[in-house]
Amino acid sequence: MSESQDERPQRKVREGVVASDAMDQTIVVLVNQRVRHPRYMRTISRTKRLYVHDEHNDAHVGDTVEVVETRPLSKLKRWRLVRVVERAR
């Protein structure tokens, strides 16, 4: 019975910078990913915008945050704030 819990895949964890905190209990986080181009072998920086649930409105623009994947919370929100890694200066 507890075996099914062990087989459950780990949730994705990402670290990024808060781009917007204008919404209530929602922040927009930019996550940069460096990937190698398949043909030219150059390193490319790709950016994803994640809509993150911020229960207590802790994070503000410029903060570095850690987010984790979760069930769909709204039309766009699929991530939840874990912690604020570093505050903006």
N, C-alpha and C. Protein backbone atom coordinates (compact mmCIF):
# COMPACT_ATOMS: atom_id res chain seq x y z
N MET A 1 0.80 -1.19 0.00
CA MET A 1 0.00 0.00 0.00
C MET A 1 0.86 1.27 0.00
N SER A 2 1.93 1.25 0.76
CA SER A 2 2.80 2.43 0.79
C SER A 2 3.75 2.45 -0.41
N GLU A 3 3.78 1.34 -1.19
CA GLU A 3 4.65 1.28 -2.36
C GLU A 3 4.24 2.30 -3.41
N SER A 4 2.92 2.54 -3.56
CA SER A 4 2.47 3.49 -4.57
C SER A 4 2.94 4.91 -4.25
N GLN A 5 3.08 5.22 -2.98
CA GLN A 5 3.59 6.54 -2.61
C GLN A 5 5.07 6.66 -2.94
N ASP A 6 5.82 5.57 -2.82
CA ASP A 6 7.23 5.59 -3.15
C ASP A 6 7.46 5.74 -4.65
N GLU A 7 6.53 5.20 -5.44
CA GLU A 7 6.68 5.25 -6.89
C GLU A 7 6.23 6.57 -7.49
N ARG A 8 5.57 7.40 -6.71
CA ARG A 8 5.09 8.68 -7.21
C ARG A 8 6.28 9.55 -7.62
N PRO A 9 6.24 10.15 -8.83
CA PRO A 9 7.39 10.97 -9.26
C PRO A 9 7.54 12.24 -8.41
N GLN A 10 8.77 12.67 -8.26
CA GLN A 10 9.05 13.88 -7.51
C GLN A 10 8.50 15.10 -8.25
N ARG A 11 8.07 16.10 -7.49
CA ARG A 11 7.56 17.32 -8.11
C ARG A 11 8.73 18.17 -8.61
N LYS A 12 8.52 18.84 -9.72
CA LYS A 12 9.56 19.69 -10.29
C LYS A 12 9.79 20.90 -9.40
N VAL A 13 11.03 21.26 -9.20
CA VAL A 13 11.40 22.43 -8.41
C VAL A 13 12.20 23.35 -9.31
N ARG A 14 11.85 24.63 -9.33
CA ARG A 14 12.56 25.61 -10.15
C ARG A 14 12.91 26.82 -9.31
N GLU A 15 13.96 27.53 -9.74
CA GLU A 15 14.37 28.76 -9.07
C GLU A 15 14.35 29.87 -10.11
N GLY A 16 13.79 31.02 -9.74
CA GLY A 16 13.69 32.12 -10.69
C GLY A 16 13.54 33.45 -10.00
N VAL A 17 13.35 34.50 -10.82
CA VAL A 17 13.24 35.87 -10.33
C VAL A 17 11.81 36.35 -10.54
N VAL A 18 11.25 37.02 -9.52
CA VAL A 18 9.88 37.53 -9.61
C VAL A 18 9.85 38.71 -10.58
N ALA A 19 8.99 38.62 -11.59
CA ALA A 19 8.85 39.68 -12.58
C ALA A 19 7.67 40.58 -12.27
N SER A 20 6.63 40.03 -11.61
CA SER A 20 5.43 40.81 -11.31
C SER A 20 4.78 40.28 -10.04
N ASP A 21 4.29 41.21 -9.21
CA ASP A 21 3.53 40.82 -8.01
C ASP A 21 2.25 41.65 -7.92
N ALA A 22 1.74 42.09 -9.06
CA ALA A 22 0.58 42.98 -9.09
C ALA A 22 -0.72 42.28 -8.71
N MET A 23 -0.78 40.97 -8.93
CA MET A 23 -2.00 40.22 -8.64
C MET A 23 -2.05 39.82 -7.17
N ASP A 24 -3.25 39.49 -6.69
CA ASP A 24 -3.40 39.05 -5.31
C ASP A 24 -3.11 37.56 -5.22
N GLN A 25 -2.19 37.18 -4.36
CA GLN A 25 -1.77 35.80 -4.13
C GLN A 25 -1.20 35.12 -5.36
N THR A 26 -0.74 35.90 -6.34
CA THR A 26 -0.13 35.35 -7.55
C THR A 26 1.08 36.19 -7.92
N ILE A 27 2.17 35.51 -8.27
CA ILE A 27 3.35 36.20 -8.79
C ILE A 27 3.73 35.57 -10.11
N VAL A 28 4.45 36.33 -10.93
CA VAL A 28 4.97 35.81 -12.19
C VAL A 28 6.48 35.68 -12.00
N VAL A 29 6.99 34.47 -12.24
CA VAL A 29 8.41 34.18 -12.03
C VAL A 29 9.05 33.85 -13.36
N LEU A 30 10.19 34.49 -13.64
CA LEU A 30 10.97 34.19 -14.84
C LEU A 30 12.02 33.15 -14.49
N VAL A 31 11.99 32.04 -15.21
CA VAL A 31 12.96 30.97 -14.98
C VAL A 31 13.84 30.86 -16.22
N ASN A 32 15.15 31.09 -16.04
CA ASN A 32 16.10 30.98 -17.14
C ASN A 32 16.65 29.57 -17.20
N GLN A 33 16.76 29.06 -18.43
CA GLN A 33 17.31 27.73 -18.65
C GLN A 33 18.34 27.84 -19.76
N ARG A 34 19.55 27.36 -19.49
CA ARG A 34 20.60 27.40 -20.49
C ARG A 34 20.67 26.04 -21.16
N VAL A 35 20.44 26.03 -22.48
CA VAL A 35 20.46 24.78 -23.25
C VAL A 35 21.43 24.91 -24.41
N ARG A 36 21.96 23.78 -24.83
CA ARG A 36 22.88 23.75 -25.97
C ARG A 36 22.07 23.57 -27.25
N HIS A 37 22.36 24.38 -28.27
CA HIS A 37 21.68 24.28 -29.55
C HIS A 37 22.07 22.96 -30.21
N PRO A 38 21.08 22.20 -30.70
CA PRO A 38 21.40 20.87 -31.23
C PRO A 38 22.34 20.88 -32.44
N ARG A 39 22.25 21.87 -33.29
CA ARG A 39 23.10 21.90 -34.48
C ARG A 39 24.36 22.72 -34.26
N TYR A 40 24.21 23.94 -33.70
CA TYR A 40 25.34 24.86 -33.64
C TYR A 40 26.14 24.75 -32.35
N MET A 41 25.65 23.96 -31.39
CA MET A 41 26.36 23.70 -30.14
C MET A 41 26.65 24.96 -29.32
N ARG A 42 25.96 26.04 -29.62
CA ARG A 42 26.11 27.25 -28.83
C ARG A 42 25.13 27.19 -27.66
N THR A 43 25.50 27.82 -26.54
CA THR A 43 24.61 27.85 -25.39
C THR A 43 23.59 28.96 -25.58
N ILE A 44 22.31 28.60 -25.42
CA ILE A 44 21.21 29.55 -25.59
C ILE A 44 20.50 29.70 -24.25
N SER A 45 20.08 30.92 -23.93
CA SER A 45 19.33 31.17 -22.72
C SER A 45 17.85 31.26 -23.07
N ARG A 46 17.05 30.34 -22.49
CA ARG A 46 15.60 30.35 -22.73
C ARG A 46 14.90 30.74 -21.44
N THR A 47 13.83 31.52 -21.58
CA THR A 47 13.11 32.03 -20.41
C THR A 47 11.67 31.53 -20.44
N LYS A 48 11.20 31.05 -19.28
CA LYS A 48 9.80 30.64 -19.11
C LYS A 48 9.16 31.55 -18.08
N ARG A 49 7.89 31.89 -18.30
CA ARG A 49 7.12 32.68 -17.33
C ARG A 49 6.17 31.73 -16.61
N LEU A 50 6.37 31.59 -15.30
CA LEU A 50 5.53 30.70 -14.50
C LEU A 50 4.61 31.54 -13.62
N TYR A 51 3.33 31.17 -13.60
CA TYR A 51 2.38 31.82 -12.70
C TYR A 51 2.37 31.01 -11.41
N VAL A 52 2.72 31.66 -10.30
CA VAL A 52 2.98 30.97 -9.04
C VAL A 52 2.01 31.45 -7.97
N HIS A 53 1.48 30.50 -7.18
CA HIS A 53 0.59 30.83 -6.07
C HIS A 53 1.43 31.28 -4.87
N ASP A 54 1.18 32.49 -4.39
CA ASP A 54 1.90 33.06 -3.24
C ASP A 54 0.86 33.35 -2.16
N GLU A 55 0.66 32.40 -1.28
CA GLU A 55 -0.42 32.44 -0.29
C GLU A 55 -0.43 33.72 0.55
N HIS A 56 0.72 34.15 1.04
CA HIS A 56 0.79 35.28 1.96
C HIS A 56 1.36 36.55 1.33
N ASN A 57 1.44 36.61 0.01
CA ASN A 57 1.99 37.76 -0.70
C ASN A 57 3.38 38.13 -0.16
N ASP A 58 4.24 37.12 0.02
CA ASP A 58 5.58 37.32 0.57
C ASP A 58 6.55 37.91 -0.45
N ALA A 59 6.51 37.41 -1.68
CA ALA A 59 7.51 37.77 -2.68
C ALA A 59 7.18 39.09 -3.37
N HIS A 60 8.23 39.81 -3.74
CA HIS A 60 8.10 41.08 -4.45
C HIS A 60 9.02 41.08 -5.66
N VAL A 61 8.84 42.05 -6.54
CA VAL A 61 9.60 42.12 -7.78
C VAL A 61 11.10 42.14 -7.49
N GLY A 62 11.83 41.29 -8.20
CA GLY A 62 13.28 41.23 -8.05
C GLY A 62 13.76 40.15 -7.09
N ASP A 63 12.86 39.60 -6.28
CA ASP A 63 13.25 38.54 -5.35
C ASP A 63 13.57 37.25 -6.12
N THR A 64 14.55 36.50 -5.62
CA THR A 64 14.82 35.18 -6.15
C THR A 64 14.03 34.18 -5.31
N VAL A 65 13.24 33.34 -5.98
CA VAL A 65 12.34 32.43 -5.25
C VAL A 65 12.50 31.00 -5.74
N GLU A 66 12.06 30.07 -4.90
CA GLU A 66 12.03 28.66 -5.25
C GLU A 66 10.57 28.24 -5.33
N VAL A 67 10.19 27.59 -6.44
CA VAL A 67 8.81 27.19 -6.65
C VAL A 67 8.75 25.70 -6.92
N VAL A 68 7.58 25.11 -6.63
CA VAL A 68 7.39 23.68 -6.84
C VAL A 68 6.10 23.46 -7.62
N GLU A 69 6.10 22.44 -8.47
CA GLU A 69 4.94 22.09 -9.27
C GLU A 69 3.82 21.59 -8.37
N THR A 70 2.58 21.93 -8.72
CA THR A 70 1.44 21.50 -7.93
C THR A 70 0.24 21.27 -8.86
N ARG A 71 -0.88 20.89 -8.28
CA ARG A 71 -2.08 20.67 -9.09
C ARG A 71 -2.54 22.01 -9.68
N PRO A 72 -3.33 22.01 -10.73
CA PRO A 72 -3.83 23.26 -11.30
C PRO A 72 -4.66 24.04 -10.27
N LEU A 73 -4.25 25.29 -10.01
CA LEU A 73 -4.95 26.13 -9.04
C LEU A 73 -5.88 27.13 -9.73
N SER A 74 -5.59 27.43 -10.99
CA SER A 74 -6.45 28.31 -11.79
C SER A 74 -6.15 28.02 -13.26
N LYS A 75 -6.60 28.89 -14.13
CA LYS A 75 -6.39 28.68 -15.57
C LYS A 75 -4.90 28.59 -15.91
N LEU A 76 -4.08 29.42 -15.27
CA LEU A 76 -2.66 29.48 -15.59
C LEU A 76 -1.74 28.98 -14.47
N LYS A 77 -2.20 29.00 -13.23
CA LYS A 77 -1.33 28.67 -12.10
C LYS A 77 -1.17 27.16 -11.91
N ARG A 78 0.09 26.71 -12.02
CA ARG A 78 0.42 25.31 -11.77
C ARG A 78 1.62 25.17 -10.84
N TRP A 79 2.02 26.27 -10.21
CA TRP A 79 3.20 26.29 -9.35
C TRP A 79 2.86 26.94 -8.02
N ARG A 80 3.62 26.59 -6.97
CA ARG A 80 3.41 27.12 -5.64
C ARG A 80 4.74 27.61 -5.09
N LEU A 81 4.71 28.73 -4.38
CA LEU A 81 5.92 29.30 -3.79
C LEU A 81 6.37 28.45 -2.61
N VAL A 82 7.66 28.06 -2.60
CA VAL A 82 8.22 27.28 -1.50
C VAL A 82 8.89 28.23 -0.52
N ARG A 83 9.81 29.07 -1.03
CA ARG A 83 10.52 30.00 -0.16
C ARG A 83 11.12 31.11 -0.98
N VAL A 84 11.42 32.21 -0.31
CA VAL A 84 12.14 33.32 -0.93
C VAL A 84 13.62 33.08 -0.65
N VAL A 85 14.39 32.81 -1.69
CA VAL A 85 15.81 32.50 -1.53
C VAL A 85 16.59 33.76 -1.16
N GLU A 86 16.33 34.85 -1.93
CA GLU A 86 17.06 36.09 -1.70
C GLU A 86 16.15 37.27 -2.00
N ARG A 87 16.15 38.25 -1.11
CA ARG A 87 15.34 39.45 -1.30
C ARG A 87 16.03 40.40 -2.28
N ALA A 88 15.23 41.18 -3.02
CA ALA A 88 15.78 42.17 -3.93
C ALA A 88 16.38 43.31 -3.12
N ARG A 89 17.42 43.91 -3.66
CA ARG A 89 18.08 45.00 -2.93
C ARG A 89 17.60 46.34 -3.40
